[in-house]
Amino acid sequence: MRVVAKSTLRDFWIAHPDSEEQLKAWFNEAEKSNWNSPVTIKTNYPSASILPDNRVVFNIKGNSYRLIVRINYKVGIVWIRFIGTHADYDKIDANTI
């Protein structure tokens, strides 16, 4: 998969250093993956939440942080739509961000 906007993750882990290791691990796994449907994501990330419009919410660092991506399965692109604390996540609409 091609992950768009690693800089978004980098900016976040600079502000939240305790997230760096897990965000880097997620990024590396995502780039090596060949997700062709939500089912393939749930295989490796059973706690991921599948949302409408090809959005997926990943729990980062024991659910301290939330990462929302939008995936084009056909082309193999993952767009980072949001990364934030659990409190930040509660303030947004994950289905439209």
PDB file of N, CA and C in Angstrom:
ATOM      1  N   MET A   1       0.843  -1.168   0.000  1.00  0.00           N
ATOM      2  CA  MET A   1       0.000   0.000   0.000  1.00  0.00           C
ATOM      3  C   MET A   1       0.897   1.243   0.000  1.00  0.00           C
ATOM      4  N   ARG A   2       0.398   2.262  -0.608  1.00  0.00           N
ATOM      5  CA  ARG A   2       1.093   3.549  -0.575  1.00  0.00           C
ATOM      6  C   ARG A   2       0.387   4.427   0.453  1.00  0.00           C
ATOM      7  N   VAL A   3       1.110   4.820   1.475  1.00  0.00           N
ATOM      8  CA  VAL A   3       0.531   5.639   2.541  1.00  0.00           C
ATOM      9  C   VAL A   3       0.864   7.100   2.258  1.00  0.00           C
ATOM     10  N   VAL A   4      -0.185   7.910   2.141  1.00  0.00           N
ATOM     11  CA  VAL A   4      -0.012   9.321   1.822  1.00  0.00           C
ATOM     12  C   VAL A   4      -0.019  10.136   3.112  1.00  0.00           C
ATOM     13  N   ALA A   5       1.030  10.908   3.256  1.00  0.00           N
ATOM     14  CA  ALA A   5       1.183  11.895   4.325  1.00  0.00           C
ATOM     15  C   ALA A   5       1.824  11.330   5.582  1.00  0.00           C
ATOM     16  N   LYS A   6       2.970  10.686   5.411  1.00  0.00           N
ATOM     17  CA  LYS A   6       3.732  10.262   6.588  1.00  0.00           C
ATOM     18  C   LYS A   6       4.081  11.466   7.446  1.00  0.00           C
ATOM     19  N   SER A   7       4.203  12.624   6.820  1.00  0.00           N
ATOM     20  CA  SER A   7       4.536  13.839   7.577  1.00  0.00           C
ATOM     21  C   SER A   7       3.478  14.143   8.641  1.00  0.00           C
ATOM     22  N   THR A   8       2.238  13.789   8.382  1.00  0.00           N
ATOM     23  CA  THR A   8       1.178  13.975   9.378  1.00  0.00           C
ATOM     24  C   THR A   8       1.478  13.137  10.613  1.00  0.00           C
ATOM     25  N   LEU A   9       1.898  11.909  10.389  1.00  0.00           N
ATOM     26  CA  LEU A   9       2.260  11.042  11.510  1.00  0.00           C
ATOM     27  C   LEU A   9       3.492  11.588  12.231  1.00  0.00           C
ATOM     28  N   ARG A  10       4.476  12.009  11.463  1.00  0.00           N
ATOM     29  CA  ARG A  10       5.719  12.539  12.052  1.00  0.00           C
ATOM     30  C   ARG A  10       5.426  13.760  12.922  1.00  0.00           C
ATOM     31  N   ASP A  11       4.613  14.666  12.421  1.00  0.00           N
ATOM     32  CA  ASP A  11       4.254  15.849  13.206  1.00  0.00           C
ATOM     33  C   ASP A  11       3.579  15.449  14.514  1.00  0.00           C
ATOM     34  N   PHE A  12       2.758  14.418  14.442  1.00  0.00           N
ATOM     35  CA  PHE A  12       2.047  13.982  15.640  1.00  0.00           C
ATOM     36  C   PHE A  12       2.997  13.347  16.645  1.00  0.00           C
ATOM     37  N   TRP A  13       3.896  12.483  16.181  1.00  0.00           N
ATOM     38  CA  TRP A  13       4.780  11.835  17.159  1.00  0.00           C
ATOM     39  C   TRP A  13       5.826  12.792  17.722  1.00  0.00           C
ATOM     40  N   ILE A  14       6.104  13.865  17.030  1.00  0.00           N
ATOM     41  CA  ILE A  14       6.973  14.891  17.623  1.00  0.00           C
ATOM     42  C   ILE A  14       6.250  15.543  18.804  1.00  0.00           C
ATOM     43  N   ALA A  15       4.965  15.797  18.639  1.00  0.00           N
ATOM     44  CA  ALA A  15       4.168  16.394  19.717  1.00  0.00           C
ATOM     45  C   ALA A  15       3.820  15.389  20.811  1.00  0.00           C
ATOM     46  N   HIS A  16       3.747  14.108  20.428  1.00  0.00           N
ATOM     47  CA  HIS A  16       3.386  13.025  21.357  1.00  0.00           C
ATOM     48  C   HIS A  16       4.418  11.900  21.216  1.00  0.00           C
ATOM     49  N   PRO A  17       5.609  12.082  21.800  1.00  0.00           N
ATOM     50  CA  PRO A  17       6.710  11.127  21.602  1.00  0.00           C
ATOM     51  C   PRO A  17       6.368   9.682  21.974  1.00  0.00           C
ATOM     52  N   ASP A  18       5.436   9.478  22.888  1.00  0.00           N
ATOM     53  CA  ASP A  18       5.086   8.107  23.275  1.00  0.00           C
ATOM     54  C   ASP A  18       4.359   7.355  22.164  1.00  0.00           C
ATOM     55  N   SER A  19       3.946   8.049  21.102  1.00  0.00           N
ATOM     56  CA  SER A  19       3.258   7.394  19.986  1.00  0.00           C
ATOM     57  C   SER A  19       4.204   7.013  18.851  1.00  0.00           C
ATOM     58  N   GLU A  20       5.440   7.513  18.899  1.00  0.00           N
ATOM     59  CA  GLU A  20       6.353   7.360  17.758  1.00  0.00           C
ATOM     60  C   GLU A  20       6.569   5.903  17.357  1.00  0.00           C
ATOM     61  N   GLU A  21       6.920   5.072  18.295  1.00  0.00           N
ATOM     62  CA  GLU A  21       7.240   3.676  17.968  1.00  0.00           C
ATOM     63  C   GLU A  21       6.053   2.972  17.307  1.00  0.00           C
ATOM     64  N   GLN A  22       4.878   3.141  17.869  1.00  0.00           N
ATOM     65  CA  GLN A  22       3.717   2.442  17.309  1.00  0.00           C
ATOM     66  C   GLN A  22       3.278   3.033  15.970  1.00  0.00           C
ATOM     67  N   LEU A  23       3.385   4.347  15.814  1.00  0.00           N
ATOM     68  CA  LEU A  23       3.023   4.932  14.517  1.00  0.00           C
ATOM     69  C   LEU A  23       4.003   4.509  13.428  1.00  0.00           C
ATOM     70  N   LYS A  24       5.280   4.447  13.759  1.00  0.00           N
ATOM     71  CA  LYS A  24       6.263   3.966  12.780  1.00  0.00           C
ATOM     72  C   LYS A  24       5.991   2.510  12.421  1.00  0.00           C
ATOM     73  N   ALA A  25       5.669   1.705  13.418  1.00  0.00           N
ATOM     74  CA  ALA A  25       5.366   0.290  13.163  1.00  0.00           C
ATOM     75  C   ALA A  25       4.125   0.167  12.285  1.00  0.00           C
ATOM     76  N   TRP A  26       3.081   0.941  12.583  1.00  0.00           N
ATOM     77  CA  TRP A  26       1.859   0.895  11.763  1.00  0.00           C
ATOM     78  C   TRP A  26       2.186   1.297  10.330  1.00  0.00           C
ATOM     79  N   PHE A  27       2.933   2.385  10.158  1.00  0.00           N
ATOM     80  CA  PHE A  27       3.285   2.866   8.828  1.00  0.00           C
ATOM     81  C   PHE A  27       4.038   1.793   8.038  1.00  0.00           C
ATOM     82  N   ASN A  28       5.049   1.183   8.661  1.00  0.00           N
ATOM     83  CA  ASN A  28       5.831   0.155   7.977  1.00  0.00           C
ATOM     84  C   ASN A  28       4.978  -1.053   7.607  1.00  0.00           C
ATOM     85  N   GLU A  29       4.094  -1.467   8.506  1.00  0.00           N
ATOM     86  CA  GLU A  29       3.206  -2.593   8.204  1.00  0.00           C
ATOM     87  C   GLU A  29       2.239  -2.236   7.084  1.00  0.00           C
ATOM     88  N   ALA A  30       1.693  -1.025   7.128  1.00  0.00           N
ATOM     89  CA  ALA A  30       0.742  -0.610   6.095  1.00  0.00           C
ATOM     90  C   ALA A  30       1.411  -0.581   4.725  1.00  0.00           C
ATOM     91  N   GLU A  31       2.619  -0.063   4.657  1.00  0.00           N
ATOM     92  CA  GLU A  31       3.317  -0.001   3.369  1.00  0.00           C
ATOM     93  C   GLU A  31       3.605  -1.386   2.793  1.00  0.00           C
ATOM     94  N   LYS A  32       3.832  -2.355   3.655  1.00  0.00           N
ATOM     95  CA  LYS A  32       4.145  -3.710   3.196  1.00  0.00           C
ATOM     96  C   LYS A  32       2.881  -4.535   2.920  1.00  0.00           C
ATOM     97  N   SER A  33       1.756  -4.028   3.354  1.00  0.00           N
ATOM     98  CA  SER A  33       0.502  -4.777   3.239  1.00  0.00           C
ATOM     99  C   SER A  33      -0.092  -4.674   1.848  1.00  0.00           C
ATOM    100  N   ASN A  34      -0.997  -5.580   1.581  1.00  0.00           N
ATOM    101  CA  ASN A  34      -1.776  -5.556   0.350  1.00  0.00           C
ATOM    102  C   ASN A  34      -3.246  -5.676   0.736  1.00  0.00           C
ATOM    103  N   TRP A  35      -3.747  -4.647   1.402  1.00  0.00           N
ATOM    104  CA  TRP A  35      -5.135  -4.677   1.842  1.00  0.00           C
ATOM    105  C   TRP A  35      -6.047  -4.544   0.629  1.00  0.00           C
ATOM    106  N   ASN A  36      -6.856  -5.544   0.407  1.00  0.00           N
ATOM    107  CA  ASN A  36      -7.781  -5.480  -0.724  1.00  0.00           C
ATOM    108  C   ASN A  36      -9.236  -5.420  -0.287  1.00  0.00           C
ATOM    109  N   SER A  37      -9.454  -5.418   1.030  1.00  0.00           N
ATOM    110  CA  SER A  37     -10.806  -5.296   1.574  1.00  0.00           C
ATOM    111  C   SER A  37     -10.689  -5.076   3.077  1.00  0.00           C
ATOM    112  N   PRO A  38     -11.771  -4.646   3.712  1.00  0.00           N
ATOM    113  CA  PRO A  38     -11.745  -4.514   5.166  1.00  0.00           C
ATOM    114  C   PRO A  38     -11.422  -5.825   5.883  1.00  0.00           C
ATOM    115  N   VAL A  39     -11.796  -6.929   5.291  1.00  0.00           N
ATOM    116  CA  VAL A  39     -11.532  -8.243   5.905  1.00  0.00           C
ATOM    117  C   VAL A  39     -10.038  -8.459   6.085  1.00  0.00           C
ATOM    118  N   THR A  40      -9.233  -8.063   5.104  1.00  0.00           N
ATOM    119  CA  THR A  40      -7.787  -8.261   5.215  1.00  0.00           C
ATOM    120  C   THR A  40      -7.191  -7.374   6.307  1.00  0.00           C
ATOM    121  N   ILE A  41      -7.796  -6.222   6.554  1.00  0.00           N
ATOM    122  CA  ILE A  41      -7.328  -5.361   7.645  1.00  0.00           C
ATOM    123  C   ILE A  41      -7.670  -5.995   8.988  1.00  0.00           C
ATOM    124  N   LYS A  42      -8.897  -6.471   9.125  1.00  0.00           N
ATOM    125  CA  LYS A  42      -9.344  -7.054  10.389  1.00  0.00           C
ATOM    126  C   LYS A  42      -8.549  -8.298  10.761  1.00  0.00           C
ATOM    127  N   THR A  43      -7.956  -8.965   9.784  1.00  0.00           N
ATOM    128  CA  THR A  43      -7.129 -10.139  10.063  1.00  0.00           C
ATOM    129  C   THR A  43      -5.948  -9.773  10.956  1.00  0.00           C
ATOM    130  N   ASN A  44      -5.282  -8.668  10.640  1.00  0.00           N
ATOM    131  CA  ASN A  44      -4.115  -8.243  11.411  1.00  0.00           C
ATOM    132  C   ASN A  44      -4.434  -7.209  12.479  1.00  0.00           C
ATOM    133  N   TYR A  45      -5.555  -6.536  12.329  1.00  0.00           N
ATOM    134  CA  TYR A  45      -5.962  -5.492  13.281  1.00  0.00           C
ATOM    135  C   TYR A  45      -7.401  -5.738  13.721  1.00  0.00           C
ATOM    136  N   PRO A  46      -7.625  -6.746  14.551  1.00  0.00           N
ATOM    137  CA  PRO A  46      -9.007  -7.080  14.935  1.00  0.00           C
ATOM    138  C   PRO A  46      -9.729  -5.962  15.675  1.00  0.00           C
ATOM    139  N   SER A  47      -8.995  -5.035  16.290  1.00  0.00           N
ATOM    140  CA  SER A  47      -9.657  -3.945  17.008  1.00  0.00           C
ATOM    141  C   SER A  47      -9.943  -2.738  16.105  1.00  0.00           C
ATOM    142  N   ALA A  48      -9.518  -2.796  14.852  1.00  0.00           N
ATOM    143  CA  ALA A  48      -9.793  -1.690  13.929  1.00  0.00           C
ATOM    144  C   ALA A  48     -11.298  -1.596  13.691  1.00  0.00           C
ATOM    145  N   SER A  49     -11.766  -0.377  13.563  1.00  0.00           N
ATOM    146  CA  SER A  49     -13.185  -0.147  13.276  1.00  0.00           C
ATOM    147  C   SER A  49     -13.335   0.204  11.804  1.00  0.00           C
ATOM    148  N   ILE A  50     -14.197  -0.526  11.131  1.00  0.00           N
ATOM    149  CA  ILE A  50     -14.465  -0.290   9.717  1.00  0.00           C
ATOM    150  C   ILE A  50     -15.654   0.665   9.625  1.00  0.00           C
ATOM    151  N   LEU A  51     -15.456   1.780   8.942  1.00  0.00           N
ATOM    152  CA  LEU A  51     -16.485   2.801   8.794  1.00  0.00           C
ATOM    153  C   LEU A  51     -16.930   2.897   7.342  1.00  0.00           C
ATOM    154  N   PRO A  52     -18.028   3.601   7.089  1.00  0.00           N
ATOM    155  CA  PRO A  52     -18.461   3.797   5.698  1.00  0.00           C
ATOM    156  C   PRO A  52     -17.424   4.563   4.884  1.00  0.00           C
ATOM    157  N   ASP A  53     -17.563   4.502   3.587  1.00  0.00           N
ATOM    158  CA  ASP A  53     -16.730   5.236   2.645  1.00  0.00           C
ATOM    159  C   ASP A  53     -15.257   4.847   2.762  1.00  0.00           C
ATOM    160  N   ASN A  54     -15.017   3.573   3.016  1.00  0.00           N
ATOM    161  CA  ASN A  54     -13.666   3.001   3.054  1.00  0.00           C
ATOM    162  C   ASN A  54     -12.751   3.644   4.092  1.00  0.00           C
ATOM    163  N   ARG A  55     -13.341   4.085   5.183  1.00  0.00           N
ATOM    164  CA  ARG A  55     -12.555   4.625   6.288  1.00  0.00           C
ATOM    165  C   ARG A  55     -12.325   3.533   7.327  1.00  0.00           C
ATOM    166  N   VAL A  56     -11.160   3.613   7.979  1.00  0.00           N
ATOM    167  CA  VAL A  56     -10.805   2.656   9.020  1.00  0.00           C
ATOM    168  C   VAL A  56     -10.194   3.427  10.180  1.00  0.00           C
ATOM    169  N   VAL A  57     -10.597   3.051  11.391  1.00  0.00           N
ATOM    170  CA  VAL A  57     -10.040   3.647  12.596  1.00  0.00           C
ATOM    171  C   VAL A  57      -9.130   2.617  13.254  1.00  0.00           C
ATOM    172  N   PHE A  58      -7.869   2.994  13.454  1.00  0.00           N
ATOM    173  CA  PHE A  58      -6.910   2.146  14.131  1.00  0.00           C
ATOM    174  C   PHE A  58      -6.660   2.706  15.530  1.00  0.00           C
ATOM    175  N   ASN A  59      -6.605   1.827  16.494  1.00  0.00           N
ATOM    176  CA  ASN A  59      -6.254   2.206  17.861  1.00  0.00           C
ATOM    177  C   ASN A  59      -4.734   2.148  17.983  1.00  0.00           C
ATOM    178  N   ILE A  60      -4.159   3.230  18.458  1.00  0.00           N
ATOM    179  CA  ILE A  60      -2.711   3.334  18.584  1.00  0.00           C
ATOM    180  C   ILE A  60      -2.356   3.468  20.059  1.00  0.00           C
ATOM    181  N   LYS A  61      -1.364   2.730  20.467  1.00  0.00           N
ATOM    182  CA  LYS A  61      -0.857   2.763  21.846  1.00  0.00           C
ATOM    183  C   LYS A  61      -1.966   2.480  22.849  1.00  0.00           C
ATOM    184  N   GLY A  62      -2.541   1.309  22.717  1.00  0.00           N
ATOM    185  CA  GLY A  62      -3.559   0.876  23.675  1.00  0.00           C
ATOM    186  C   GLY A  62      -4.782   1.764  23.701  1.00  0.00           C
ATOM    187  N   ASN A  63      -5.140   2.304  22.552  1.00  0.00           N
ATOM    188  CA  ASN A  63      -6.319   3.150  22.398  1.00  0.00           C
ATOM    189  C   ASN A  63      -6.114   4.553  22.987  1.00  0.00           C
ATOM    190  N   SER A  64      -4.872   4.936  23.279  1.00  0.00           N
ATOM    191  CA  SER A  64      -4.602   6.307  23.719  1.00  0.00           C
ATOM    192  C   SER A  64      -4.784   7.284  22.569  1.00  0.00           C
ATOM    193  N   TYR A  65      -4.500   6.792  21.350  1.00  0.00           N
ATOM    194  CA  TYR A  65      -4.592   7.610  20.151  1.00  0.00           C
ATOM    195  C   TYR A  65      -5.434   6.889  19.111  1.00  0.00           C
ATOM    196  N   ARG A  66      -6.023   7.673  18.236  1.00  0.00           N
ATOM    197  CA  ARG A  66      -6.816   7.112  17.146  1.00  0.00           C
ATOM    198  C   ARG A  66      -6.279   7.626  15.819  1.00  0.00           C
ATOM    199  N   LEU A  67      -6.186   6.724  14.868  1.00  0.00           N
ATOM    200  CA  LEU A  67      -5.733   7.032  13.518  1.00  0.00           C
ATOM    201  C   LEU A  67      -6.855   6.666  12.563  1.00  0.00           C
ATOM    202  N   ILE A  68      -7.287   7.642  11.772  1.00  0.00           N
ATOM    203  CA  ILE A  68      -8.326   7.380  10.769  1.00  0.00           C
ATOM    204  C   ILE A  68      -7.684   7.494   9.400  1.00  0.00           C
ATOM    205  N   VAL A  69      -7.928   6.491   8.582  1.00  0.00           N
ATOM    206  CA  VAL A  69      -7.439   6.506   7.207  1.00  0.00           C
ATOM    207  C   VAL A  69      -8.606   6.241   6.264  1.00  0.00           C
ATOM    208  N   ARG A  70      -8.422   6.644   5.034  1.00  0.00           N
ATOM    209  CA  ARG A  70      -9.365   6.304   3.966  1.00  0.00           C
ATOM    210  C   ARG A  70      -8.574   5.522   2.931  1.00  0.00           C
ATOM    211  N   ILE A  71      -9.130   4.414   2.498  1.00  0.00           N
ATOM    212  CA  ILE A  71      -8.379   3.496   1.644  1.00  0.00           C
ATOM    213  C   ILE A  71      -9.059   3.331   0.290  1.00  0.00           C
ATOM    214  N   ASN A  72      -8.241   3.416  -0.747  1.00  0.00           N
ATOM    215  CA  ASN A  72      -8.693   3.024  -2.081  1.00  0.00           C
ATOM    216  C   ASN A  72      -8.091   1.641  -2.313  1.00  0.00           C
ATOM    217  N   TYR A  73      -8.887   0.614  -2.074  1.00  0.00           N
ATOM    218  CA  TYR A  73      -8.398  -0.763  -2.151  1.00  0.00           C
ATOM    219  C   TYR A  73      -7.953  -1.125  -3.565  1.00  0.00           C
ATOM    220  N   LYS A  74      -8.658  -0.628  -4.558  1.00  0.00           N
ATOM    221  CA  LYS A  74      -8.358  -0.981  -5.942  1.00  0.00           C
ATOM    222  C   LYS A  74      -6.984  -0.469  -6.374  1.00  0.00           C
ATOM    223  N   VAL A  75      -6.651   0.755  -5.976  1.00  0.00           N
ATOM    224  CA  VAL A  75      -5.390   1.374  -6.381  1.00  0.00           C
ATOM    225  C   VAL A  75      -4.274   1.124  -5.370  1.00  0.00           C
ATOM    226  N   GLY A  76      -4.644   0.814  -4.126  1.00  0.00           N
ATOM    227  CA  GLY A  76      -3.654   0.533  -3.097  1.00  0.00           C
ATOM    228  C   GLY A  76      -3.096   1.775  -2.426  1.00  0.00           C
ATOM    229  N   ILE A  77      -3.971   2.747  -2.174  1.00  0.00           N
ATOM    230  CA  ILE A  77      -3.536   3.987  -1.526  1.00  0.00           C
ATOM    231  C   ILE A  77      -4.273   4.159  -0.209  1.00  0.00           C
ATOM    232  N   VAL A  78      -3.516   4.559   0.811  1.00  0.00           N
ATOM    233  CA  VAL A  78      -4.061   4.842   2.137  1.00  0.00           C
ATOM    234  C   VAL A  78      -3.813   6.317   2.422  1.00  0.00           C
ATOM    235  N   TRP A  79      -4.890   7.071   2.642  1.00  0.00           N
ATOM    236  CA  TRP A  79      -4.768   8.491   2.980  1.00  0.00           C
ATOM    237  C   TRP A  79      -4.993   8.660   4.471  1.00  0.00           C
ATOM    238  N   ILE A  80      -4.070   9.304   5.123  1.00  0.00           N
ATOM    239  CA  ILE A  80      -4.240   9.602   6.536  1.00  0.00           C
ATOM    240  C   ILE A  80      -5.192  10.792   6.636  1.00  0.00           C
ATOM    241  N   ARG A  81      -6.296  10.585   7.336  1.00  0.00           N
ATOM    242  CA  ARG A  81      -7.321  11.621   7.468  1.00  0.00           C
ATOM    243  C   ARG A  81      -7.280  12.302   8.831  1.00  0.00           C
ATOM    244  N   PHE A  82      -6.810  11.572   9.870  1.00  0.00           N
ATOM    245  CA  PHE A  82      -6.819  12.121  11.225  1.00  0.00           C
ATOM    246  C   PHE A  82      -5.914  11.283  12.109  1.00  0.00           C
ATOM    247  N   ILE A  83      -5.203  11.965  12.993  1.00  0.00           N
ATOM    248  CA  ILE A  83      -4.500  11.302  14.085  1.00  0.00           C
ATOM    249  C   ILE A  83      -4.669  12.211  15.285  1.00  0.00           C
ATOM    250  N   GLY A  84      -5.077  11.635  16.396  1.00  0.00           N
ATOM    251  CA  GLY A  84      -5.294  12.459  17.572  1.00  0.00           C
ATOM    252  C   GLY A  84      -5.494  11.623  18.819  1.00  0.00           C
ATOM    253  N   THR A  85      -5.627  12.330  19.920  1.00  0.00           N
ATOM    254  CA  THR A  85      -5.903  11.661  21.183  1.00  0.00           C
ATOM    255  C   THR A  85      -7.331  11.137  21.165  1.00  0.00           C
ATOM    256  N   HIS A  86      -7.630  10.304  22.120  1.00  0.00           N
ATOM    257  CA  HIS A  86      -8.993   9.787  22.229  1.00  0.00           C
ATOM    258  C   HIS A  86      -9.969  10.947  22.436  1.00  0.00           C
ATOM    259  N   ALA A  87      -9.577  11.941  23.229  1.00  0.00           N
ATOM    260  CA  ALA A  87     -10.432  13.113  23.464  1.00  0.00           C
ATOM    261  C   ALA A  87     -10.643  13.908  22.171  1.00  0.00           C
ATOM    262  N   ASP A  88      -9.586  14.065  21.362  1.00  0.00           N
ATOM    263  CA  ASP A  88      -9.720  14.749  20.067  1.00  0.00           C
ATOM    264  C   ASP A  88     -10.668  13.985  19.156  1.00  0.00           C
ATOM    265  N   TYR A  89     -10.546  12.675  19.164  1.00  0.00           N
ATOM    266  CA  TYR A  89     -11.386  11.817  18.333  1.00  0.00           C
ATOM    267  C   TYR A  89     -12.859  11.987  18.695  1.00  0.00           C
ATOM    268  N   ASP A  90     -13.149  12.132  19.964  1.00  0.00           N
ATOM    269  CA  ASP A  90     -14.528  12.287  20.401  1.00  0.00           C
ATOM    270  C   ASP A  90     -15.163  13.574  19.908  1.00  0.00           C
ATOM    271  N   LYS A  91     -14.353  14.530  19.459  1.00  0.00           N
ATOM    272  CA  LYS A  91     -14.860  15.820  18.991  1.00  0.00           C
ATOM    273  C   LYS A  91     -15.112  15.887  17.487  1.00  0.00           C
ATOM    274  N   ILE A  92     -14.768  14.835  16.767  1.00  0.00           N
ATOM    275  CA  ILE A  92     -14.907  14.849  15.311  1.00  0.00           C
ATOM    276  C   ILE A  92     -15.929  13.816  14.860  1.00  0.00           C
ATOM    277  N   ASP A  93     -16.303  13.900  13.598  1.00  0.00           N
ATOM    278  CA  ASP A  93     -17.155  12.871  12.994  1.00  0.00           C
ATOM    279  C   ASP A  93     -16.250  12.002  12.112  1.00  0.00           C
ATOM    280  N   ALA A  94     -15.933  10.844  12.604  1.00  0.00           N
ATOM    281  CA  ALA A  94     -15.005   9.943  11.900  1.00  0.00           C
ATOM    282  C   ALA A  94     -15.532   9.514  10.542  1.00  0.00           C
ATOM    283  N   ASN A  95     -16.837   9.591  10.340  1.00  0.00           N
ATOM    284  CA  ASN A  95     -17.423   9.184   9.061  1.00  0.00           C
ATOM    285  C   ASN A  95     -17.257  10.216   7.962  1.00  0.00           C
ATOM    286  N   THR A  96     -16.897  11.437   8.325  1.00  0.00           N
ATOM    287  CA  THR A  96     -16.798  12.481   7.315  1.00  0.00           C
ATOM    288  C   THR A  96     -15.444  13.163   7.233  1.00  0.00           C
ATOM    289  N   ILE A  97     -14.586  12.930   8.194  1.00  0.00           N
ATOM    290  CA  ILE A  97     -13.301  13.621   8.201  1.00  0.00           C
ATOM    291  C   ILE A  97     -12.413  13.170   7.041  1.00  0.00           C
TER     292      ILE A  97
END
